[in-house]
C-alpha atoms as a PDB file:
ATOM      1  CA  MET A   1      86.458  38.172 112.929  1.00  0.00           C
ATOM      2  CA  THR A   2      88.173  40.677 115.063  1.00  0.00           C
ATOM      3  CA  ILE A   3      91.655  39.877 115.789  1.00  0.00           C
ATOM      4  CA  ARG A   4      92.755  41.036 119.374  1.00  0.00           C
ATOM      5  CA  VAL A   5      96.106  42.614 119.803  1.00  0.00           C
ATOM      6  CA  GLY A   6      98.445  43.556 122.512  1.00  0.00           C
ATOM      7  CA  ILE A   7     101.583  45.640 122.470  1.00  0.00           C
ATOM      8  CA  VAL A   8     104.639  45.193 124.617  1.00  0.00           C
ATOM      9  CA  GLY A   9     106.399  48.623 124.817  1.00  0.00           C
ATOM     10  CA  TYR A  10     104.680  52.275 124.147  1.00  0.00           C
ATOM     11  CA  GLY A  11     107.981  53.953 122.703  1.00  0.00           C
ATOM     12  CA  ASN A  12     107.911  55.392 119.165  1.00  0.00           C
ATOM     13  CA  LEU A  13     107.259  52.012 117.574  1.00  0.00           C
ATOM     14  CA  GLY A  14     104.507  51.073 119.961  1.00  0.00           C
ATOM     15  CA  ARG A  15     102.659  54.365 119.464  1.00  0.00           C
ATOM     16  CA  GLY A  16     103.127  53.586 115.822  1.00  0.00           C
ATOM     17  CA  VAL A  17     101.290  50.137 116.326  1.00  0.00           C
ATOM     18  CA  GLU A  18      98.512  51.787 117.996  1.00  0.00           C
ATOM     19  CA  ALA A  19      97.936  54.147 115.379  1.00  0.00           C
ATOM     20  CA  SER A  20      98.132  51.516 112.411  1.00  0.00           C
ATOM     21  CA  ILE A  21      95.558  49.276 114.324  1.00  0.00           C
ATOM     22  CA  CYS A  22      93.119  52.022 114.103  1.00  0.00           C
ATOM     23  CA  GLN A  23      93.338  51.918 110.107  1.00  0.00           C
ATOM     24  CA  ASN A  24      92.496  48.293 110.153  1.00  0.00           C
ATOM     25  CA  PRO A  25      89.054  47.513 110.977  1.00  0.00           C
ATOM     26  CA  ASP A  26      89.437  44.005 111.516  1.00  0.00           C
ATOM     27  CA  MET A  27      92.089  44.315 114.603  1.00  0.00           C
ATOM     28  CA  LYS A  28      90.893  45.782 117.938  1.00  0.00           C
ATOM     29  CA  LEU A  29      93.846  47.017 120.559  1.00  0.00           C
ATOM     30  CA  ILE A  30      93.297  45.140 123.878  1.00  0.00           C
ATOM     31  CA  ALA A  31      95.971  46.225 126.043  1.00  0.00           C
ATOM     32  CA  VAL A  32      99.367  47.946 126.210  1.00  0.00           C
ATOM     33  CA  PHE A  33     102.094  46.529 128.524  1.00  0.00           C
ATOM     34  CA  THR A  34     105.123  48.384 129.698  1.00  0.00           C
ATOM     35  CA  ARG A  35     108.020  48.135 132.315  1.00  0.00           C
ATOM     36  CA  ARG A  36     107.366  51.901 133.234  1.00  0.00           C
ATOM     37  CA  ASN A  37     104.345  52.926 135.590  1.00  0.00           C
ATOM     38  CA  PRO A  38     101.235  52.586 133.664  1.00  0.00           C
ATOM     39  CA  ASP A  39      99.863  55.674 135.005  1.00  0.00           C
ATOM     40  CA  SER A  40     102.563  57.579 133.404  1.00  0.00           C
ATOM     41  CA  LEU A  41     101.422  56.590 129.985  1.00  0.00           C
ATOM     42  CA  LYS A  42      98.719  58.077 127.994  1.00  0.00           C
ATOM     43  CA  THR A  43      97.552  56.115 124.829  1.00  0.00           C
ATOM     44  CA  ASN A  44      95.495  57.843 122.214  1.00  0.00           C
ATOM     45  CA  ASP A  45      92.571  55.636 122.831  1.00  0.00           C
ATOM     46  CA  LYS A  46      91.829  56.045 126.680  1.00  0.00           C
ATOM     47  CA  SER A  47      89.520  53.022 126.432  1.00  0.00           C
ATOM     48  CA  VAL A  48      92.683  50.554 125.777  1.00  0.00           C
ATOM     49  CA  LYS A  49      94.095  49.213 129.144  1.00  0.00           C
ATOM     50  CA  VAL A  50      97.821  50.044 130.039  1.00  0.00           C
ATOM     51  CA  LEU A  51      99.259  47.647 132.299  1.00  0.00           C
ATOM     52  CA  HIS A  52     102.734  46.522 133.783  1.00  0.00           C
ATOM     53  CA  VAL A  53     104.272  43.867 131.430  1.00  0.00           C
ATOM     54  CA  ASP A  54     104.438  41.423 134.420  1.00  0.00           C
ATOM     55  CA  LYS A  55     100.553  41.084 133.907  1.00  0.00           C
ATOM     56  CA  ALA A  56     100.594  40.218 130.530  1.00  0.00           C
ATOM     57  CA  ARG A  57     100.479  36.668 131.255  1.00  0.00           C
ATOM     58  CA  GLU A  58      96.942  37.181 132.785  1.00  0.00           C
ATOM     59  CA  TYR A  59      95.735  37.882 129.201  1.00  0.00           C
ATOM     60  CA  VAL A  60      96.542  35.033 127.514  1.00  0.00           C
ATOM     61  CA  ASN A  61      93.088  34.241 126.596  1.00  0.00           C
ATOM     62  CA  ASP A  62      92.141  37.810 125.452  1.00  0.00           C
ATOM     63  CA  ILE A  63      94.760  38.457 122.919  1.00  0.00           C
ATOM     64  CA  ASP A  64      95.314  36.891 119.722  1.00  0.00           C
ATOM     65  CA  VAL A  65      98.593  38.435 119.012  1.00  0.00           C
ATOM     66  CA  LEU A  66     101.244  40.195 120.882  1.00  0.00           C
ATOM     67  CA  ILE A  67     103.418  42.566 119.122  1.00  0.00           C
ATOM     68  CA  LEU A  68     106.661  43.173 120.691  1.00  0.00           C
ATOM     69  CA  CYS A  69     107.980  46.734 120.271  1.00  0.00           C
ATOM     70  CA  GLY A  70     111.022  46.536 122.212  1.00  0.00           C
ATOM     71  CA  GLY A  71     114.846  47.201 120.962  1.00  0.00           C
ATOM     72  CA  SER A  72     117.067  44.344 119.340  1.00  0.00           C
ATOM     73  CA  ALA A  73     119.907  45.067 121.626  1.00  0.00           C
ATOM     74  CA  THR A  74     118.752  43.762 125.138  1.00  0.00           C
ATOM     75  CA  ASP A  75     114.776  43.584 124.907  1.00  0.00           C
ATOM     76  CA  LEU A  76     113.989  41.199 122.212  1.00  0.00           C
ATOM     77  CA  PRO A  77     116.413  38.229 122.733  1.00  0.00           C
ATOM     78  CA  VAL A  78     114.761  38.036 126.216  1.00  0.00           C
ATOM     79  CA  GLN A  79     111.197  39.106 125.207  1.00  0.00           C
ATOM     80  CA  GLY A  80     110.843  37.173 122.061  1.00  0.00           C
ATOM     81  CA  PRO A  81     111.606  33.430 123.414  1.00  0.00           C
ATOM     82  CA  TYR A  82     109.847  34.356 126.800  1.00  0.00           C
ATOM     83  CA  PHE A  83     106.377  35.664 125.294  1.00  0.00           C
ATOM     84  CA  SER A  84     106.146  33.270 122.583  1.00  0.00           C
ATOM     85  CA  MET A  85     105.602  30.713 125.088  1.00  0.00           C
ATOM     86  CA  PHE A  86     102.234  32.194 125.995  1.00  0.00           C
ATOM     87  CA  PHE A  87     101.125  34.245 122.720  1.00  0.00           C
ATOM     88  CA  ASN A  88     101.334  34.480 119.043  1.00  0.00           C
ATOM     89  CA  THR A  89     103.953  37.095 118.443  1.00  0.00           C
ATOM     90  CA  VAL A  90     105.095  39.782 116.149  1.00  0.00           C
ATOM     91  CA  ASP A  91     108.781  41.306 116.305  1.00  0.00           C
ATOM     92  CA  SER A  92     111.255  43.569 114.575  1.00  0.00           C
ATOM     93  CA  TYR A  93     114.449  41.962 115.652  1.00  0.00           C
ATOM     94  CA  ASP A  94     116.968  43.520 113.328  1.00  0.00           C
ATOM     95  CA  THR A  95     120.593  42.388 114.359  1.00  0.00           C
ATOM     96  CA  HIS A  96     121.214  40.687 111.048  1.00  0.00           C
ATOM     97  CA  ALA A  97     124.358  38.731 112.214  1.00  0.00           C
ATOM     98  CA  LYS A  98     122.359  37.104 115.256  1.00  0.00           C
ATOM     99  CA  ILE A  99     119.205  36.494 113.479  1.00  0.00           C
ATOM    100  CA  LEU A 100     120.046  32.713 113.214  1.00  0.00           C
ATOM    101  CA  GLU A 101     120.509  32.494 116.843  1.00  0.00           C
ATOM    102  CA  TYR A 102     117.700  34.484 117.699  1.00  0.00           C
ATOM    103  CA  SER A 103     115.026  32.511 115.175  1.00  0.00           C
ATOM    104  CA  ALA A 104     116.191  29.400 117.135  1.00  0.00           C
ATOM    105  CA  ALA A 105     115.296  30.537 120.450  1.00  0.00           C
ATOM    106  CA  VAL A 106     112.093  31.820 119.480  1.00  0.00           C
ATOM    107  CA  ASN A 107     111.146  28.744 117.427  1.00  0.00           C
ATOM    108  CA  LYS A 108     112.240  26.501 120.300  1.00  0.00           C
ATOM    109  CA  SER A 109     109.543  27.952 122.766  1.00  0.00           C
ATOM    110  CA  ALA A 110     107.007  28.400 120.032  1.00  0.00           C
ATOM    111  CA  LEU A 111     106.998  25.153 119.020  1.00  0.00           C
ATOM    112  CA  ALA A 112     106.770  23.641 122.303  1.00  0.00           C
ATOM    113  CA  ASN A 113     103.647  25.574 123.344  1.00  0.00           C
ATOM    114  CA  GLY A 114     101.753  25.678 119.882  1.00  0.00           C
ATOM    115  CA  LYS A 115     102.453  29.436 119.056  1.00  0.00           C
ATOM    116  CA  THR A 116     103.333  31.149 115.915  1.00  0.00           C
ATOM    117  CA  ALA A 117     105.790  34.003 115.941  1.00  0.00           C
ATOM    118  CA  ALA A 118     106.911  36.281 113.069  1.00  0.00           C
ATOM    119  CA  ILE A 119     110.235  37.377 113.646  1.00  0.00           C
ATOM    120  CA  SER A 120     112.493  39.862 112.251  1.00  0.00           C
ATOM    121  CA  ILE A 121     109.678  41.942 110.424  1.00  0.00           C
ATOM    122  CA  GLY A 122     110.228  45.454 109.213  1.00  0.00           C
ATOM    123  CA  TRP A 123     111.594  46.800 105.967  1.00  0.00           C
ATOM    124  CA  ASP A 124     115.269  45.573 106.344  1.00  0.00           C
ATOM    125  CA  PRO A 125     115.072  42.881 107.646  1.00  0.00           C
ATOM    126  CA  GLY A 126     111.754  42.319 106.324  1.00  0.00           C
ATOM    127  CA  LEU A 127     110.705  43.981 102.751  1.00  0.00           C
ATOM    128  CA  PHE A 128     113.951  44.463 101.569  1.00  0.00           C
ATOM    129  CA  SER A 129     114.813  40.978 102.331  1.00  0.00           C
ATOM    130  CA  MET A 130     111.752  39.731 100.278  1.00  0.00           C
ATOM    131  CA  ASN A 131     113.283  41.832  97.610  1.00  0.00           C
ATOM    132  CA  ARG A 132     116.744  40.382  97.529  1.00  0.00           C
ATOM    133  CA  VAL A 133     115.475  36.991  97.382  1.00  0.00           C
ATOM    134  CA  LEU A 134     112.959  37.769  94.714  1.00  0.00           C
ATOM    135  CA  ALA A 135     115.362  39.872  92.310  1.00  0.00           C
ATOM    136  CA  GLU A 136     118.273  36.946  92.892  1.00  0.00           C
ATOM    137  CA  ALA A 137     116.025  34.181  92.138  1.00  0.00           C
ATOM    138  CA  VAL A 138     114.797  35.876  88.878  1.00  0.00           C
ATOM    139  CA  LEU A 139     118.410  36.997  88.035  1.00  0.00           C
ATOM    140  CA  PRO A 140     121.088  34.522  89.322  1.00  0.00           C
ATOM    141  CA  GLN A 141     123.551  36.056  87.243  1.00  0.00           C
ATOM    142  CA  GLY A 142     123.946  39.104  88.819  1.00  0.00           C
ATOM    143  CA  LYS A 143     125.075  41.280  91.916  1.00  0.00           C
ATOM    144  CA  GLU A 144     122.983  43.029  94.478  1.00  0.00           C
ATOM    145  CA  TYR A 145     123.304  46.238  96.251  1.00  0.00           C
ATOM    146  CA  THR A 146     121.477  47.653  99.475  1.00  0.00           C
ATOM    147  CA  PHE A 147     121.391  51.613 100.074  1.00  0.00           C
ATOM    148  CA  TRP A 148     120.084  52.890 103.332  1.00  0.00           C
ATOM    149  CA  GLY A 149     119.032  56.415 103.651  1.00  0.00           C
ATOM    150  CA  ARG A 150     118.860  59.384 103.762  1.00  0.00           C
ATOM    151  CA  GLY A 151     117.375  58.938 106.947  1.00  0.00           C
ATOM    152  CA  VAL A 152     118.062  58.934 110.830  1.00  0.00           C
ATOM    153  CA  SER A 153     120.096  56.380 112.321  1.00  0.00           C
ATOM    154  CA  GLN A 154     118.808  55.770 115.866  1.00  0.00           C
ATOM    155  CA  GLY A 155     121.880  53.563 117.050  1.00  0.00           C
ATOM    156  CA  HIS A 156     124.487  55.991 115.560  1.00  0.00           C
ATOM    157  CA  SER A 157     122.631  58.950 116.892  1.00  0.00           C
ATOM    158  CA  ASP A 158     122.814  57.485 120.333  1.00  0.00           C
ATOM    159  CA  ALA A 159     126.671  56.939 119.648  1.00  0.00           C
ATOM    160  CA  VAL A 160     126.915  60.578 119.186  1.00  0.00           C
ATOM    161  CA  ARG A 161     125.011  61.623 122.217  1.00  0.00           C
ATOM    162  CA  ARG A 162     126.926  59.522 124.343  1.00  0.00           C
ATOM    163  CA  VAL A 163     130.406  61.517 123.658  1.00  0.00           C
ATOM    164  CA  ASN A 164     131.564  63.714 126.369  1.00  0.00           C
ATOM    165  CA  GLY A 165     130.312  67.411 125.651  1.00  0.00           C
ATOM    166  CA  VAL A 166     127.285  66.442 123.561  1.00  0.00           C
ATOM    167  CA  LYS A 167     124.053  67.795 124.717  1.00  0.00           C
ATOM    168  CA  ASN A 168     121.799  66.380 121.727  1.00  0.00           C
ATOM    169  CA  ALA A 169     122.543  64.850 118.323  1.00  0.00           C
ATOM    170  CA  VAL A 170     120.966  63.240 115.360  1.00  0.00           C
ATOM    171  CA  GLN A 171     123.193  61.171 112.815  1.00  0.00           C
ATOM    172  CA  TYR A 172     121.722  60.899 108.988  1.00  0.00           C
ATOM    173  CA  THR A 173     122.882  58.053 106.882  1.00  0.00           C
ATOM    174  CA  VAL A 174     123.185  59.021 103.397  1.00  0.00           C
ATOM    175  CA  PRO A 175     123.721  57.104 100.043  1.00  0.00           C
ATOM    176  CA  VAL A 176     126.989  57.914  98.009  1.00  0.00           C
ATOM    177  CA  GLU A 177     125.324  59.444  94.719  1.00  0.00           C
ATOM    178  CA  LYS A 178     127.913  58.626  92.466  1.00  0.00           C
ATOM    179  CA  SER A 179     128.057  54.887  93.768  1.00  0.00           C
ATOM    180  CA  LEU A 180     124.319  54.652  93.698  1.00  0.00           C
ATOM    181  CA  GLN A 181     124.548  55.759  90.110  1.00  0.00           C
ATOM    182  CA  LYS A 182     127.112  53.566  89.172  1.00  0.00           C
ATOM    183  CA  VAL A 183     124.898  50.678  90.353  1.00  0.00           C
ATOM    184  CA  ARG A 184     121.648  52.108  88.412  1.00  0.00           C
ATOM    185  CA  ASN A 185     123.572  52.513  85.179  1.00  0.00           C
ATOM    186  CA  GLY A 186     124.217  48.409  85.292  1.00  0.00           C
ATOM    187  CA  GLU A 187     127.709  48.470  86.503  1.00  0.00           C
ATOM    188  CA  THR A 188     128.729  46.159  88.983  1.00  0.00           C
ATOM    189  CA  PRO A 189     131.517  47.841  91.144  1.00  0.00           C
ATOM    190  CA  GLN A 190     133.045  46.553  94.252  1.00  0.00           C
ATOM    191  CA  LEU A 191     131.955  48.916  96.877  1.00  0.00           C
ATOM    192  CA  THR A 192     133.562  49.241 100.425  1.00  0.00           C
ATOM    193  CA  THR A 193     131.352  50.169 103.202  1.00  0.00           C
ATOM    194  CA  GLY A 194     132.639  53.759 103.195  1.00  0.00           C
ATOM    195  CA  GLU A 195     132.293  53.939  99.462  1.00  0.00           C
ATOM    196  CA  LYS A 196     128.424  53.320  99.882  1.00  0.00           C
ATOM    197  CA  HIS A 197     127.333  55.716 102.608  1.00  0.00           C
ATOM    198  CA  ILE A 198     128.400  58.852 104.384  1.00  0.00           C
ATOM    199  CA  ARG A 199     127.442  59.815 107.812  1.00  0.00           C
ATOM    200  CA  GLU A 200     126.136  63.302 108.586  1.00  0.00           C
ATOM    201  CA  CYS A 201     126.266  64.423 112.558  1.00  0.00           C
ATOM    202  CA  PHE A 202     124.229  67.500 113.760  1.00  0.00           C
ATOM    203  CA  VAL A 203     125.415  67.923 117.349  1.00  0.00           C
ATOM    204  CA  VAL A 204     124.182  70.286 119.923  1.00  0.00           C
ATOM    205  CA  PRO A 205     127.312  70.978 122.161  1.00  0.00           C
ATOM    206  CA  GLU A 206     127.092  71.503 125.924  1.00  0.00           C
ATOM    207  CA  ALA A 207     128.116  75.295 127.030  1.00  0.00           C
ATOM    208  CA  GLU A 208     132.019  75.496 126.680  1.00  0.00           C
ATOM    209  CA  ALA A 209     132.587  72.154 125.210  1.00  0.00           C
ATOM    210  CA  ASP A 210     135.726  71.539 122.939  1.00  0.00           C
ATOM    211  CA  LYS A 211     134.067  71.238 119.441  1.00  0.00           C
ATOM    212  CA  GLU A 212     137.412  69.996 118.058  1.00  0.00           C
ATOM    213  CA  LYS A 213     137.645  67.319 120.331  1.00  0.00           C
ATOM    214  CA  ILE A 214     133.794  66.181 119.952  1.00  0.00           C
ATOM    215  CA  SER A 215     134.557  66.129 116.127  1.00  0.00           C
ATOM    216  CA  HIS A 216     137.599  64.091 116.265  1.00  0.00           C
ATOM    217  CA  GLU A 217     136.186  61.715 118.504  1.00  0.00           C
ATOM    218  CA  ILE A 218     132.827  61.014 116.551  1.00  0.00           C
ATOM    219  CA  LYS A 219     134.993  60.557 113.398  1.00  0.00           C
ATOM    220  CA  SER A 220     137.224  58.240 114.746  1.00  0.00           C
ATOM    221  CA  MET A 221     134.514  56.090 116.631  1.00  0.00           C
ATOM    222  CA  PRO A 222     135.204  52.668 115.590  1.00  0.00           C
ATOM    223  CA  HIS A 223     132.423  50.562 114.165  1.00  0.00           C
ATOM    224  CA  TYR A 224     130.487  53.630 113.601  1.00  0.00           C
ATOM    225  CA  PHE A 225     132.363  56.250 111.725  1.00  0.00           C
ATOM    226  CA  ASN A 226     136.083  55.577 111.301  1.00  0.00           C
ATOM    227  CA  GLU A 227     135.220  53.831 107.757  1.00  0.00           C
ATOM    228  CA  TYR A 228     133.062  56.469 106.363  1.00  0.00           C
ATOM    229  CA  GLU A 229     133.238  60.053 105.296  1.00  0.00           C
ATOM    230  CA  THR A 230     131.648  61.793 108.345  1.00  0.00           C
ATOM    231  CA  SER A 231     130.773  65.414 108.825  1.00  0.00           C
ATOM    232  CA  VAL A 232     130.154  66.929 111.986  1.00  0.00           C
ATOM    233  CA  THR A 233     128.089  70.131 112.015  1.00  0.00           C
ATOM    234  CA  PHE A 234     127.598  71.959 115.416  1.00  0.00           C
ATOM    235  CA  ILE A 235     124.190  73.858 115.936  1.00  0.00           C
ATOM    236  CA  THR A 236     121.713  75.666 118.540  1.00  0.00           C
ATOM    237  CA  GLU A 237     119.045  73.841 120.446  1.00  0.00           C
ATOM    238  CA  GLU A 238     116.595  75.934 118.656  1.00  0.00           C
ATOM    239  CA  GLU A 239     117.886  74.802 115.522  1.00  0.00           C
ATOM    240  CA  PHE A 240     117.718  71.204 116.551  1.00  0.00           C
ATOM    241  CA  ALA A 241     114.113  71.234 117.676  1.00  0.00           C
ATOM    242  CA  LYS A 242     113.136  73.148 114.188  1.00  0.00           C
ATOM    243  CA  ASN A 243     114.869  70.795 111.603  1.00  0.00           C
ATOM    244  CA  HIS A 244     115.908  67.615 113.311  1.00  0.00           C
ATOM    245  CA  THR A 245     112.876  66.135 115.444  1.00  0.00           C
ATOM    246  CA  GLY A 246     111.854  63.668 112.849  1.00  0.00           C
ATOM    247  CA  MET A 247     112.619  60.267 112.137  1.00  0.00           C
ATOM    248  CA  PRO A 248     112.661  60.033 108.316  1.00  0.00           C
ATOM    249  CA  HIS A 249     114.366  57.179 106.591  1.00  0.00           C
ATOM    250  CA  GLY A 250     114.460  55.119 103.157  1.00  0.00           C
ATOM    251  CA  GLY A 251     116.642  53.304 100.998  1.00  0.00           C
ATOM    252  CA  PHE A 252     117.167  50.893  98.016  1.00  0.00           C
ATOM    253  CA  VAL A 253     117.623  47.500  97.209  1.00  0.00           C
ATOM    254  CA  ILE A 254     118.859  46.829  93.567  1.00  0.00           C
ATOM    255  CA  ARG A 255     120.555  43.840  91.328  1.00  0.00           C
ATOM    256  CA  SER A 256     121.856  44.207  88.299  1.00  0.00           C
ATOM    257  CA  GLY A 257     121.767  41.156  86.255  1.00  0.00           C
ATOM    258  CA  GLN A 258     122.129  39.391  82.851  1.00  0.00           C
ATOM    259  CA  THR A 259     120.048  36.999  80.811  1.00  0.00           C
ATOM    260  CA  GLY A 260     120.744  35.133  77.517  1.00  0.00           C
ATOM    261  CA  GLN A 261     123.997  33.986  76.171  1.00  0.00           C
ATOM    262  CA  ASP A 262     124.541  35.440  72.543  1.00  0.00           C
ATOM    263  CA  PRO A 263     123.514  38.306  72.979  1.00  0.00           C
ATOM    264  CA  VAL A 264     123.556  38.993  76.720  1.00  0.00           C
ATOM    265  CA  ASN A 265     121.021  41.536  77.944  1.00  0.00           C
ATOM    266  CA  ASN A 266     121.247  43.665  80.968  1.00  0.00           C
ATOM    267  CA  HIS A 267     118.429  44.274  83.609  1.00  0.00           C
ATOM    268  CA  ILE A 268     117.914  46.358  86.497  1.00  0.00           C
ATOM    269  CA  VAL A 269     115.551  45.674  89.313  1.00  0.00           C
ATOM    270  CA  GLU A 270     115.025  48.013  91.972  1.00  0.00           C
ATOM    271  CA  PHE A 271     112.748  48.631  94.996  1.00  0.00           C
ATOM    272  CA  SER A 272     112.836  51.526  96.996  1.00  0.00           C
ATOM    273  CA  ILE A 273     111.163  53.345  99.851  1.00  0.00           C
ATOM    274  CA  ASN A 274     110.866  57.058 101.190  1.00  0.00           C
ATOM    275  CA  LEU A 275     109.549  57.432 104.760  1.00  0.00           C
ATOM    276  CA  ASP A 276     108.426  60.493 106.758  1.00  0.00           C
ATOM    277  CA  SER A 277     108.257  58.165 109.876  1.00  0.00           C
ATOM    278  CA  ASN A 278     110.706  55.144 110.074  1.00  0.00           C
ATOM    279  CA  PRO A 279     108.674  53.906 113.254  1.00  0.00           C
ATOM    280  CA  GLU A 280     105.216  54.404 111.770  1.00  0.00           C
ATOM    281  CA  PHE A 281     106.180  52.727 108.694  1.00  0.00           C
ATOM    282  CA  THR A 282     107.532  49.737 110.564  1.00  0.00           C
ATOM    283  CA  ALA A 283     104.768  49.634 112.820  1.00  0.00           C
ATOM    284  CA  SER A 284     102.394  49.229 109.976  1.00  0.00           C
ATOM    285  CA  ILE A 285     104.345  46.282 108.545  1.00  0.00           C
ATOM    286  CA  LEU A 286     104.251  44.773 112.050  1.00  0.00           C
ATOM    287  CA  VAL A 287     100.360  45.010 112.072  1.00  0.00           C
ATOM    288  CA  ALA A 288      99.782  43.552 108.815  1.00  0.00           C
ATOM    289  CA  TYR A 289     101.920  40.646 109.779  1.00  0.00           C
ATOM    290  CA  ALA A 290      99.875  40.277 113.080  1.00  0.00           C
ATOM    291  CA  ARG A 291      97.101  39.335 110.949  1.00  0.00           C
ATOM    292  CA  ALA A 292      99.157  36.660 108.917  1.00  0.00           C
ATOM    293  CA  VAL A 293     100.363  35.237 112.209  1.00  0.00           C
ATOM    294  CA  TYR A 294      96.707  34.854 113.577  1.00  0.00           C
ATOM    295  CA  ARG A 295      95.842  33.156 110.471  1.00  0.00           C
ATOM    296  CA  LEU A 296      98.664  30.483 110.174  1.00  0.00           C
ATOM    297  CA  ASN A 297      98.118  29.845 114.115  1.00  0.00           C
ATOM    298  CA  CYS A 298      94.531  29.278 113.208  1.00  0.00           C
ATOM    299  CA  GLU A 299      95.791  26.679 110.280  1.00  0.00           C
ATOM    300  CA  GLY A 300      98.137  24.868 112.839  1.00  0.00           C
ATOM    301  CA  GLN A 301     101.342  26.327 111.420  1.00  0.00           C
ATOM    302  CA  ILE A 302     103.293  27.064 114.316  1.00  0.00           C
ATOM    303  CA  GLY A 303     107.021  28.053 115.266  1.00  0.00           C
ATOM    304  CA  ALA A 304     109.236  31.066 114.029  1.00  0.00           C
ATOM    305  CA  LYS A 305     108.634  32.421 110.915  1.00  0.00           C
ATOM    306  CA  THR A 306     110.170  35.294 108.643  1.00  0.00           C
ATOM    307  CA  VAL A 307     108.949  37.137 105.712  1.00  0.00           C
ATOM    308  CA  PHE A 308     110.290  34.246 103.632  1.00  0.00           C
ATOM    309  CA  ASP A 309     107.508  31.724 104.858  1.00  0.00           C
ATOM    310  CA  ILE A 310     104.646  33.655 104.967  1.00  0.00           C
ATOM    311  CA  PRO A 311     102.540  34.244 101.979  1.00  0.00           C
ATOM    312  CA  LEU A 312     101.704  37.794 100.608  1.00  0.00           C
ATOM    313  CA  ALA A 313      97.835  36.784 100.679  1.00  0.00           C
ATOM    314  CA  TYR A 314      98.001  36.377 104.362  1.00  0.00           C
ATOM    315  CA  LEU A 315      98.962  39.962 105.098  1.00  0.00           C
ATOM    316  CA  SER A 316      96.260  41.325 103.406  1.00  0.00           C
ATOM    317  CA  ALA A 317      92.478  41.992 104.951  1.00  0.00           C
ATOM    318  CA  ARG A 318      90.969  41.142 101.361  1.00  0.00           C
ATOM    319  CA  THR A 319      89.575  38.046 100.371  1.00  0.00           C
ATOM    320  CA  SER A 320      91.167  35.529  97.720  1.00  0.00           C
ATOM    321  CA  GLU A 321      88.785  36.557  95.399  1.00  0.00           C
ATOM    322  CA  GLU A 322      89.061  40.368  95.852  1.00  0.00           C
ATOM    323  CA  LEU A 323      93.095  39.808  95.523  1.00  0.00           C
ATOM    324  CA  LEU A 324      92.483  38.105  92.183  1.00  0.00           C
ATOM    325  CA  ARG A 325      89.944  40.267  90.790  1.00  0.00           C
ATOM    326  CA  GLU A 326      91.577  43.719  91.881  1.00  0.00           C
ATOM    327  CA  LEU A 327      95.508  43.350  92.526  1.00  0.00           C
ATOM    328  CA  LEU A 328      96.458  40.298  90.717  1.00  0.00           C
END
């Protein structure tokens, strides 16, 4: 059976989903839905329909799973509850503080309409979340740490680009090496936000811009940079185009824990990723969960689901026998 997939949104994430579907022979991309003029979009597969998002409801009988590729700030809070009324969906909602609220809204619409919706799917929240739960369950006596980077933070980069006098910019989140090493050594330090990560900003200034003022405004920006050691490096447009147009990322989930009583034995559990392309990797996770969502819905398991609710076997294109024989 071929799983028929639709995409809402065709930015970096949407293009990554299209590429990932091509690597999964049990899936077929039916349509891309956009708020832009459909004629302005050029998909890799010219046979795929590109339609305005308002036409999505006309395809409820042609699409098994709709993958939502909008942003968490303003797109998904509206699109998640709306589209889960008509389609099985997968999204990458990543505003950690509002996941409970978002889950409730999507769950209500999906349950009422017999749909299955996988929410907050990605690597954090997502794969990192799974590893935090696993390590804590195995080592209940212990402490957990999450480090992000070295990688591009899209939200922080956008904040820098909004500073007056900035023509272009990118911001890298970088783990503090000495703190990371302490955790890997089995120590359990109490780390502040600024002791876990530093911020590196590479800025292309406007002509005649006040660089000192730009630097001060960035470093003192509340919620983004004022709690961190932050560097601001001014570069040319040519250097930016040569060295700073990629979207790498990565990170670590580490739990330091103890077992036994006399003696006590110490253990370290670490999960890490190192990505050339954050959006393409995230897209590949979304596509794997689209398979799971389709299978869950066929079984009548409806409502909002997270990575905590979905068995790993449902993500794989392999049969149960293949999984047991080759991967167990």
